[in-house]
Amino acid sequence: MADPRVEKLAKLVVNYSVRCKKGDQILVRAPPAAEPLALEMYREILKAGGHPVMSVNFERTQEIFYEEAKAHQLDHTSSHSKFLYENMNGLIGISADSNTRALSSVDSKKIARTSKASVPLREIMMRRGFVGAKDELKWCGLAYPSYGLAQEASMSLTEYEDFVYGACLVDKRDPVAEWKKLSKSQ
């Protein structure tokens, strides 16, 4: 039986965090390990009348990239990503690492180069999606409980699940109401 907190978290993110409405295009990026949550996000976006766009990211992709990428690839800004950042109404990024140290042996200069290449994407985010900006792009990044993230937190997977779902307030009867209350008090 699926964990009911996964469904509640998907409802919270889709309906409160990215405020999906009819016609919105919402990108969901997730690794295969987060499939249960990604599929619930997909379901909730459809229920809200939106158009889900799914992107599955294999965990070892970054490792392989840094092993094989040439200079021009490290310096490249993806036109596909730029298009998505410019045209989506919402972005949901889910992490669920099994190995949080996968990039520990990568040359930091390579990581810095790819970070510099992604500046145009961050500029789009700033222009479209932050307070004081156009508020056209709603976004949310969150963790799906995984063994790697639990180990990083020095917790068992069950403890980490309780921690994550508790922090997201999905252990409450009405998480959206709880977040609205918290937002008002802040």
C-alpha atoms as a PDB file:
ATOM      1  CA  MET A   1       0.000   0.000   0.000  1.00  0.00           C
ATOM      2  CA  ALA A   2       1.292   3.436  -0.930  1.00  0.00           C
ATOM      3  CA  ASP A   3       2.128   5.970   1.756  1.00  0.00           C
ATOM      4  CA  PRO A   4      -0.832   8.413   1.907  1.00  0.00           C
ATOM      5  CA  ARG A   5       1.604  11.219   2.737  1.00  0.00           C
ATOM      6  CA  VAL A   6       2.926  11.022  -0.839  1.00  0.00           C
ATOM      7  CA  GLU A   7      -0.504  11.894  -2.226  1.00  0.00           C
ATOM      8  CA  LYS A   8      -0.921  14.714   0.301  1.00  0.00           C
ATOM      9  CA  LEU A   9       2.509  16.097  -0.572  1.00  0.00           C
ATOM     10  CA  ALA A  10       1.684  16.068  -4.287  1.00  0.00           C
ATOM     11  CA  LYS A  11      -1.599  17.887  -3.637  1.00  0.00           C
ATOM     12  CA  LEU A  12       0.216  20.451  -1.489  1.00  0.00           C
ATOM     13  CA  VAL A  13       2.933  21.163  -4.053  1.00  0.00           C
ATOM     14  CA  VAL A  14       0.631  21.284  -7.084  1.00  0.00           C
ATOM     15  CA  ASN A  15      -2.233  23.232  -5.521  1.00  0.00           C
ATOM     16  CA  TYR A  16      -0.392  25.450  -3.035  1.00  0.00           C
ATOM     17  CA  SER A  17       3.288  25.764  -3.961  1.00  0.00           C
ATOM     18  CA  VAL A  18       2.977  26.104  -7.745  1.00  0.00           C
ATOM     19  CA  ARG A  19      -0.744  27.020  -7.692  1.00  0.00           C
ATOM     20  CA  CYS A  20      -1.511  25.027 -10.830  1.00  0.00           C
ATOM     21  CA  LYS A  21      -4.632  26.143 -12.647  1.00  0.00           C
ATOM     22  CA  LYS A  22      -6.382  25.201 -15.861  1.00  0.00           C
ATOM     23  CA  GLY A  23      -4.068  25.490 -18.840  1.00  0.00           C
ATOM     24  CA  ASP A  24      -0.819  25.798 -16.850  1.00  0.00           C
ATOM     25  CA  GLN A  25       2.186  23.876 -18.133  1.00  0.00           C
ATOM     26  CA  ILE A  26       4.059  22.369 -15.190  1.00  0.00           C
ATOM     27  CA  LEU A  27       7.436  20.668 -15.536  1.00  0.00           C
ATOM     28  CA  VAL A  28       8.144  17.861 -13.050  1.00  0.00           C
ATOM     29  CA  ARG A  29      11.814  16.824 -12.864  1.00  0.00           C
ATOM     30  CA  ALA A  30      12.542  13.709 -10.848  1.00  0.00           C
ATOM     31  CA  PRO A  31      14.901  10.748 -10.624  1.00  0.00           C
ATOM     32  CA  PRO A  32      13.464   7.231 -11.005  1.00  0.00           C
ATOM     33  CA  ALA A  33      13.689   6.734  -7.227  1.00  0.00           C
ATOM     34  CA  ALA A  34      11.032   9.441  -6.771  1.00  0.00           C
ATOM     35  CA  GLU A  35       8.568   7.784  -9.160  1.00  0.00           C
ATOM     36  CA  PRO A  36       5.738   7.458  -6.588  1.00  0.00           C
ATOM     37  CA  LEU A  37       5.781  11.205  -5.866  1.00  0.00           C
ATOM     38  CA  ALA A  38       6.353  12.217  -9.509  1.00  0.00           C
ATOM     39  CA  LEU A  39       3.364  10.156 -10.633  1.00  0.00           C
ATOM     40  CA  GLU A  40       1.156  11.696  -7.942  1.00  0.00           C
ATOM     41  CA  MET A  41       2.314  15.152  -9.084  1.00  0.00           C
ATOM     42  CA  TYR A  42       1.331  14.172 -12.632  1.00  0.00           C
ATOM     43  CA  ARG A  43      -2.105  13.070 -11.395  1.00  0.00           C
ATOM     44  CA  GLU A  44      -2.668  16.265  -9.390  1.00  0.00           C
ATOM     45  CA  ILE A  45      -1.624  18.535 -12.254  1.00  0.00           C
ATOM     46  CA  LEU A  46      -4.175  16.796 -14.485  1.00  0.00           C
ATOM     47  CA  LYS A  47      -6.869  17.128 -11.792  1.00  0.00           C
ATOM     48  CA  ALA A  48      -6.103  20.868 -11.572  1.00  0.00           C
ATOM     49  CA  GLY A  49      -6.570  21.215 -15.350  1.00  0.00           C
ATOM     50  CA  GLY A  50      -2.883  21.690 -16.071  1.00  0.00           C
ATOM     51  CA  HIS A  51      -0.588  20.112 -18.606  1.00  0.00           C
ATOM     52  CA  PRO A  52       2.167  18.059 -16.923  1.00  0.00           C
ATOM     53  CA  VAL A  53       5.553  17.776 -18.602  1.00  0.00           C
ATOM     54  CA  MET A  54       7.641  14.978 -17.130  1.00  0.00           C
ATOM     55  CA  SER A  55      11.442  14.853 -17.092  1.00  0.00           C
ATOM     56  CA  VAL A  56      13.143  11.823 -15.593  1.00  0.00           C
ATOM     57  CA  ASN A  57      16.748  12.389 -14.591  1.00  0.00           C
ATOM     58  CA  PHE A  58      18.931   9.352 -14.076  1.00  0.00           C
ATOM     59  CA  GLU A  59      21.110   9.767 -11.026  1.00  0.00           C
ATOM     60  CA  ARG A  60      24.415   8.873 -12.728  1.00  0.00           C
ATOM     61  CA  THR A  61      23.887  11.381 -15.555  1.00  0.00           C
ATOM     62  CA  GLN A  62      25.931  14.076 -13.808  1.00  0.00           C
ATOM     63  CA  GLU A  63      28.761  11.660 -12.996  1.00  0.00           C
ATOM     64  CA  ILE A  64      29.002  10.593 -16.634  1.00  0.00           C
ATOM     65  CA  PHE A  65      28.764  14.209 -17.794  1.00  0.00           C
ATOM     66  CA  TYR A  66      31.740  15.278 -15.680  1.00  0.00           C
ATOM     67  CA  GLU A  67      33.735  12.182 -16.729  1.00  0.00           C
ATOM     68  CA  GLU A  68      33.191  12.735 -20.457  1.00  0.00           C
ATOM     69  CA  ALA A  69      32.296  16.383 -21.146  1.00  0.00           C
ATOM     70  CA  LYS A  70      34.642  18.488 -23.247  1.00  0.00           C
ATOM     71  CA  ALA A  71      35.184  22.202 -22.632  1.00  0.00           C
ATOM     72  CA  HIS A  72      32.461  23.280 -25.079  1.00  0.00           C
ATOM     73  CA  GLN A  73      30.000  20.965 -23.302  1.00  0.00           C
ATOM     74  CA  LEU A  74      30.884  22.324 -19.855  1.00  0.00           C
ATOM     75  CA  ASP A  75      30.259  25.846 -21.167  1.00  0.00           C
ATOM     76  CA  HIS A  76      26.985  25.032 -22.942  1.00  0.00           C
ATOM     77  CA  THR A  77      23.611  26.433 -21.872  1.00  0.00           C
ATOM     78  CA  SER A  78      20.857  24.094 -23.023  1.00  0.00           C
ATOM     79  CA  SER A  79      18.448  25.772 -25.404  1.00  0.00           C
ATOM     80  CA  HIS A  80      15.887  23.142 -24.404  1.00  0.00           C
ATOM     81  CA  SER A  81      16.188  24.101 -20.720  1.00  0.00           C
ATOM     82  CA  LYS A  82      16.061  27.785 -21.626  1.00  0.00           C
ATOM     83  CA  PHE A  83      12.853  27.172 -23.602  1.00  0.00           C
ATOM     84  CA  LEU A  84      11.300  25.344 -20.640  1.00  0.00           C
ATOM     85  CA  TYR A  85      12.284  28.060 -18.150  1.00  0.00           C
ATOM     86  CA  GLU A  86      10.839  30.709 -20.471  1.00  0.00           C
ATOM     87  CA  ASN A  87       7.573  28.890 -21.236  1.00  0.00           C
ATOM     88  CA  MET A  88       6.507  26.759 -18.277  1.00  0.00           C
ATOM     89  CA  ASN A  89       4.099  28.163 -15.704  1.00  0.00           C
ATOM     90  CA  GLY A  90       5.589  25.966 -13.009  1.00  0.00           C
ATOM     91  CA  LEU A  91       8.672  23.907 -12.233  1.00  0.00           C
ATOM     92  CA  ILE A  92       8.808  21.131  -9.653  1.00  0.00           C
ATOM     93  CA  GLY A  93      12.209  19.619  -8.909  1.00  0.00           C
ATOM     94  CA  ILE A  94      12.351  16.454  -6.837  1.00  0.00           C
ATOM     95  CA  SER A  95      15.583  15.062  -5.408  1.00  0.00           C
ATOM     96  CA  ALA A  96      15.976  11.506  -4.129  1.00  0.00           C
ATOM     97  CA  ASP A  97      19.694  10.790  -4.062  1.00  0.00           C
ATOM     98  CA  SER A  98      20.950   7.309  -3.316  1.00  0.00           C
ATOM     99  CA  ASN A  99      24.541   8.586  -3.301  1.00  0.00           C
ATOM    100  CA  THR A 100      24.959  12.106  -1.984  1.00  0.00           C
ATOM    101  CA  ARG A 101      28.719  11.955  -2.563  1.00  0.00           C
ATOM    102  CA  ALA A 102      28.582  10.962  -6.243  1.00  0.00           C
ATOM    103  CA  LEU A 103      30.353  14.128  -7.401  1.00  0.00           C
ATOM    104  CA  SER A 104      32.925  14.320  -4.599  1.00  0.00           C
ATOM    105  CA  SER A 105      35.840  13.414  -6.894  1.00  0.00           C
ATOM    106  CA  VAL A 106      34.821  15.804  -9.685  1.00  0.00           C
ATOM    107  CA  ASP A 107      37.191  18.701 -10.330  1.00  0.00           C
ATOM    108  CA  SER A 108      35.543  21.787  -8.793  1.00  0.00           C
ATOM    109  CA  LYS A 109      36.625  23.848 -11.823  1.00  0.00           C
ATOM    110  CA  LYS A 110      34.390  21.710 -14.031  1.00  0.00           C
ATOM    111  CA  ILE A 111      31.450  22.225 -11.701  1.00  0.00           C
ATOM    112  CA  ALA A 112      32.160  25.975 -11.666  1.00  0.00           C
ATOM    113  CA  ARG A 113      32.150  26.074 -15.480  1.00  0.00           C
ATOM    114  CA  THR A 114      28.767  24.371 -15.729  1.00  0.00           C
ATOM    115  CA  SER A 115      27.450  26.639 -12.998  1.00  0.00           C
ATOM    116  CA  LYS A 116      28.582  29.667 -14.996  1.00  0.00           C
ATOM    117  CA  ALA A 117      26.904  28.234 -18.104  1.00  0.00           C
ATOM    118  CA  SER A 118      23.624  27.985 -16.207  1.00  0.00           C
ATOM    119  CA  VAL A 119      23.601  31.700 -15.304  1.00  0.00           C
ATOM    120  CA  PRO A 120      21.096  32.470 -18.107  1.00  0.00           C
ATOM    121  CA  LEU A 121      18.687  29.925 -16.587  1.00  0.00           C
ATOM    122  CA  ARG A 122      19.030  31.460 -13.125  1.00  0.00           C
ATOM    123  CA  GLU A 123      18.429  34.903 -14.649  1.00  0.00           C
ATOM    124  CA  ILE A 124      15.186  33.642 -16.201  1.00  0.00           C
ATOM    125  CA  MET A 125      14.159  32.246 -12.799  1.00  0.00           C
ATOM    126  CA  MET A 126      14.929  35.580 -11.140  1.00  0.00           C
ATOM    127  CA  ARG A 127      13.017  37.537 -13.783  1.00  0.00           C
ATOM    128  CA  ARG A 128       9.975  35.256 -13.898  1.00  0.00           C
ATOM    129  CA  GLY A 129       9.715  33.558 -10.562  1.00  0.00           C
ATOM    130  CA  PHE A 130      10.862  35.453  -7.501  1.00  0.00           C
ATOM    131  CA  VAL A 131       9.205  37.969  -5.212  1.00  0.00           C
ATOM    132  CA  GLY A 132       9.183  41.339  -6.913  1.00  0.00           C
ATOM    133  CA  ALA A 133       9.611  39.657 -10.278  1.00  0.00           C
ATOM    134  CA  LYS A 134       6.861  39.074 -12.801  1.00  0.00           C
ATOM    135  CA  ASP A 135       5.533  36.131 -10.732  1.00  0.00           C
ATOM    136  CA  GLU A 136       4.942  34.155 -13.940  1.00  0.00           C
ATOM    137  CA  LEU A 137       6.868  31.081 -12.900  1.00  0.00           C
ATOM    138  CA  LYS A 138       5.893  29.169  -9.775  1.00  0.00           C
ATOM    139  CA  TRP A 139       8.497  26.688  -8.625  1.00  0.00           C
ATOM    140  CA  CYS A 140       9.206  24.265  -5.854  1.00  0.00           C
ATOM    141  CA  GLY A 141      12.166  22.064  -5.034  1.00  0.00           C
ATOM    142  CA  LEU A 142      11.738  19.241  -2.570  1.00  0.00           C
ATOM    143  CA  ALA A 143      13.245  15.997  -1.342  1.00  0.00           C
ATOM    144  CA  TYR A 144      11.624  12.617  -1.701  1.00  0.00           C
ATOM    145  CA  PRO A 145      12.842  10.363   1.110  1.00  0.00           C
ATOM    146  CA  SER A 146      15.629   8.104  -0.155  1.00  0.00           C
ATOM    147  CA  TYR A 147      18.293   5.973   1.476  1.00  0.00           C
ATOM    148  CA  GLY A 148      21.079   8.365   0.487  1.00  0.00           C
ATOM    149  CA  LEU A 149      19.340  11.422   1.921  1.00  0.00           C
ATOM    150  CA  ALA A 150      18.454   9.474   5.080  1.00  0.00           C
ATOM    151  CA  GLN A 151      22.082   8.422   5.524  1.00  0.00           C
ATOM    152  CA  GLU A 152      23.211  12.016   5.003  1.00  0.00           C
ATOM    153  CA  ALA A 153      20.856  13.019   7.843  1.00  0.00           C
ATOM    154  CA  SER A 154      22.104  10.119  10.024  1.00  0.00           C
ATOM    155  CA  MET A 155      18.600   8.653  10.111  1.00  0.00           C
ATOM    156  CA  SER A 156      16.909   5.452   9.107  1.00  0.00           C
ATOM    157  CA  LEU A 157      14.694   5.733   6.033  1.00  0.00           C
ATOM    158  CA  THR A 158      11.572   5.566   8.226  1.00  0.00           C
ATOM    159  CA  GLU A 159      12.870   8.340  10.486  1.00  0.00           C
ATOM    160  CA  TYR A 160      13.767  10.450   7.472  1.00  0.00           C
ATOM    161  CA  GLU A 161      10.343   9.909   5.890  1.00  0.00           C
ATOM    162  CA  ASP A 162       8.710  11.087   9.125  1.00  0.00           C
ATOM    163  CA  PHE A 163      11.057  14.080   9.216  1.00  0.00           C
ATOM    164  CA  VAL A 164      10.413  15.140   5.587  1.00  0.00           C
ATOM    165  CA  TYR A 165       6.659  14.642   5.676  1.00  0.00           C
ATOM    166  CA  GLY A 166       6.471  16.345   9.076  1.00  0.00           C
ATOM    167  CA  ALA A 167       8.494  19.331   7.810  1.00  0.00           C
ATOM    168  CA  CYS A 168       6.140  19.601   4.820  1.00  0.00           C
ATOM    169  CA  LEU A 169       3.166  19.448   7.223  1.00  0.00           C
ATOM    170  CA  VAL A 170       1.559  16.594   5.278  1.00  0.00           C
ATOM    171  CA  ASP A 171       1.096  14.739   8.537  1.00  0.00           C
ATOM    172  CA  LYS A 172      -1.604  17.332   9.311  1.00  0.00           C
ATOM    173  CA  ARG A 173      -5.248  16.893   8.289  1.00  0.00           C
ATOM    174  CA  ASP A 174      -5.174  19.893   5.907  1.00  0.00           C
ATOM    175  CA  PRO A 175      -1.579  20.757   4.884  1.00  0.00           C
ATOM    176  CA  VAL A 176      -2.664  23.640   2.625  1.00  0.00           C
ATOM    177  CA  ALA A 177      -4.513  25.320   5.492  1.00  0.00           C
ATOM    178  CA  GLU A 178      -1.474  24.804   7.733  1.00  0.00           C
ATOM    179  CA  TRP A 179       0.846  26.416   5.153  1.00  0.00           C
ATOM    180  CA  LYS A 180      -1.542  29.329   4.677  1.00  0.00           C
ATOM    181  CA  LYS A 181      -1.566  29.854   8.446  1.00  0.00           C
ATOM    182  CA  LEU A 182       2.222  29.712   8.567  1.00  0.00           C
ATOM    183  CA  SER A 183       2.535  32.099   5.619  1.00  0.00           C
ATOM    184  CA  LYS A 184       0.198  34.588   7.288  1.00  0.00           C
ATOM    185  CA  SER A 185       2.176  34.479  10.559  1.00  0.00           C
ATOM    186  CA  GLN A 186       5.432  35.087   8.701  1.00  0.00           C
END
